[in-house]
């Protein structure tokens, strides 16, 4: 093994970890936004249903 391996391999592992962390964070944020939108639509649908039943 050369000195390059001791620098190159951990560097690539670190780069992959950073890229995965960034992409995973973005995906988690999008999933939370999608869930919030889904919850809003469900609440609106339930409110319309209750309004119809009360009339």
N, C-alpha and C. Protein backbone atom coordinates (compact mmCIF):
# COMPACT_ATOMS: atom_id res chain seq x y z
N UNK A 1 0.84 -1.18 0.00
CA UNK A 1 0.00 0.00 0.00
C UNK A 1 0.88 1.24 0.00
N UNK A 2 0.42 2.21 -0.71
CA UNK A 2 1.19 3.44 -0.77
C UNK A 2 0.54 4.49 0.13
N UNK A 3 1.26 5.57 0.29
CA UNK A 3 0.75 6.67 1.11
C UNK A 3 -0.53 7.25 0.50
N UNK A 4 -0.65 7.19 -0.81
CA UNK A 4 -1.85 7.68 -1.49
C UNK A 4 -3.11 6.97 -1.05
N UNK A 5 -2.99 5.67 -0.78
CA UNK A 5 -4.15 4.90 -0.33
C UNK A 5 -4.64 5.39 1.03
N UNK A 6 -3.71 5.77 1.89
CA UNK A 6 -4.08 6.24 3.22
C UNK A 6 -4.79 7.60 3.18
N UNK A 7 -4.63 8.32 2.10
CA UNK A 7 -5.30 9.62 1.95
C UNK A 7 -6.53 9.47 1.06
N UNK A 8 -6.39 8.76 -0.05
CA UNK A 8 -7.45 8.66 -1.05
C UNK A 8 -8.67 7.90 -0.52
N UNK A 9 -8.49 6.74 0.06
CA UNK A 9 -9.62 5.90 0.50
C UNK A 9 -10.44 6.58 1.59
N UNK A 10 -9.85 7.09 2.67
CA UNK A 10 -10.67 7.80 3.67
C UNK A 10 -11.31 9.07 3.11
N UNK A 11 -10.62 9.72 2.19
CA UNK A 11 -11.19 10.93 1.56
C UNK A 11 -12.44 10.61 0.78
N UNK A 12 -12.41 9.53 0.02
CA UNK A 12 -13.59 9.13 -0.76
C UNK A 12 -14.72 8.69 0.17
N UNK A 13 -14.39 7.98 1.23
CA UNK A 13 -15.42 7.59 2.21
C UNK A 13 -16.05 8.82 2.85
N UNK A 14 -15.25 9.78 3.21
CA UNK A 14 -15.76 11.02 3.80
C UNK A 14 -16.63 11.78 2.81
N UNK A 15 -16.20 11.86 1.57
CA UNK A 15 -16.99 12.53 0.54
C UNK A 15 -18.34 11.85 0.36
N UNK A 16 -18.36 10.53 0.32
CA UNK A 16 -19.62 9.80 0.20
C UNK A 16 -20.53 10.02 1.38
N UNK A 17 -19.96 10.09 2.57
CA UNK A 17 -20.75 10.35 3.77
C UNK A 17 -21.38 11.74 3.72
N UNK A 18 -20.62 12.72 3.32
CA UNK A 18 -21.13 14.09 3.23
C UNK A 18 -22.23 14.19 2.18
N UNK A 19 -22.00 13.61 1.02
CA UNK A 19 -23.02 13.64 -0.04
C UNK A 19 -24.29 12.94 0.41
N UNK A 20 -24.16 11.79 1.06
CA UNK A 20 -25.32 11.07 1.56
C UNK A 20 -26.07 11.85 2.62
N UNK A 21 -25.35 12.53 3.49
CA UNK A 21 -25.97 13.34 4.53
C UNK A 21 -26.78 14.49 3.91
N UNK A 22 -26.21 15.16 2.92
CA UNK A 22 -26.88 16.29 2.28
C UNK A 22 -28.12 15.81 1.53
N UNK A 23 -27.97 14.77 0.73
CA UNK A 23 -29.11 14.27 -0.04
C UNK A 23 -30.19 13.69 0.87
N UNK A 24 -29.80 13.02 1.93
CA UNK A 24 -30.76 12.47 2.87
C UNK A 24 -31.53 13.56 3.60
N UNK A 25 -30.85 14.64 3.95
CA UNK A 25 -31.51 15.76 4.61
C UNK A 25 -32.54 16.42 3.70
N UNK A 26 -32.19 16.57 2.45
CA UNK A 26 -33.13 17.15 1.49
C UNK A 26 -34.36 16.25 1.34
N UNK A 27 -34.14 14.97 1.25
CA UNK A 27 -35.25 14.03 1.06
C UNK A 27 -36.16 14.01 2.29
N UNK A 28 -35.56 14.09 3.46
CA UNK A 28 -36.36 14.12 4.69
C UNK A 28 -37.21 15.38 4.74
N UNK A 29 -36.66 16.50 4.30
CA UNK A 29 -37.42 17.75 4.30
C UNK A 29 -38.58 17.66 3.31
N UNK A 30 -38.34 17.10 2.14
CA UNK A 30 -39.41 16.94 1.16
C UNK A 30 -40.50 16.00 1.67
N UNK A 31 -40.10 14.94 2.34
CA UNK A 31 -41.07 13.99 2.87
C UNK A 31 -41.93 14.65 3.95
N UNK A 32 -41.32 15.48 4.79
CA UNK A 32 -42.08 16.17 5.83
C UNK A 32 -43.08 17.15 5.20
N UNK A 33 -42.66 17.85 4.16
CA UNK A 33 -43.57 18.78 3.47
C UNK A 33 -44.73 18.03 2.82
N UNK A 34 -44.44 16.90 2.20
CA UNK A 34 -45.49 16.09 1.57
C UNK A 34 -46.48 15.58 2.61
N UNK A 35 -45.97 15.16 3.75
CA UNK A 35 -46.85 14.66 4.81
C UNK A 35 -47.73 15.78 5.36
N UNK A 36 -47.17 16.96 5.52
CA UNK A 36 -47.94 18.10 6.03
C UNK A 36 -49.05 18.47 5.04
N UNK A 37 -48.74 18.45 3.75
CA UNK A 37 -49.75 18.74 2.73
C UNK A 37 -50.85 17.68 2.73
N UNK A 38 -50.46 16.43 2.88
CA UNK A 38 -51.42 15.34 2.93
C UNK A 38 -52.34 15.48 4.15
N UNK A 39 -51.76 15.85 5.29
CA UNK A 39 -52.55 16.05 6.50
C UNK A 39 -53.53 17.20 6.34
N UNK A 40 -53.11 18.29 5.67
CA UNK A 40 -54.00 19.43 5.43
C UNK A 40 -55.17 19.01 4.55
N UNK A 41 -54.89 18.27 3.49
CA UNK A 41 -55.98 17.83 2.60
C UNK A 41 -56.95 16.93 3.33
N UNK A 42 -56.45 16.05 4.19
CA UNK A 42 -57.31 15.16 4.95
C UNK A 42 -58.18 15.94 5.93
N UNK A 43 -57.59 16.94 6.59
CA UNK A 43 -58.35 17.76 7.54
C UNK A 43 -59.44 18.53 6.81
N UNK A 44 -59.14 19.07 5.64
CA UNK A 44 -60.14 19.81 4.87
C UNK A 44 -61.26 18.87 4.41
N UNK A 45 -60.88 17.67 3.98
CA UNK A 45 -61.88 16.69 3.54
C UNK A 45 -62.79 16.29 4.70
N UNK A 46 -62.20 16.06 5.87
CA UNK A 46 -62.99 15.70 7.04
C UNK A 46 -63.92 16.83 7.46
N UNK A 47 -63.44 18.08 7.36
CA UNK A 47 -64.27 19.23 7.73
C UNK A 47 -65.45 19.36 6.77
N UNK A 48 -65.22 19.14 5.47
CA UNK A 48 -66.33 19.18 4.51
C UNK A 48 -67.34 18.07 4.79
N UNK A 49 -66.83 16.90 5.14
CA UNK A 49 -67.71 15.77 5.43
C UNK A 49 -68.57 16.05 6.66
N UNK A 50 -67.96 16.60 7.71
CA UNK A 50 -68.72 16.95 8.92
C UNK A 50 -69.75 18.03 8.64
N UNK A 51 -69.39 19.00 7.80
CA UNK A 51 -70.33 20.09 7.46
C UNK A 51 -71.54 19.53 6.72
N UNK A 52 -71.30 18.58 5.81
CA UNK A 52 -72.42 17.96 5.09
C UNK A 52 -73.31 17.16 6.02
N UNK A 53 -72.70 16.44 6.97
CA UNK A 53 -73.49 15.62 7.90
C UNK A 53 -74.30 16.48 8.85
N UNK A 54 -73.81 17.67 9.21
CA UNK A 54 -74.52 18.54 10.14
C UNK A 54 -75.67 19.27 9.47
N UNK A 55 -75.62 19.40 8.15
CA UNK A 55 -76.68 20.13 7.44
C UNK A 55 -77.95 19.35 7.29
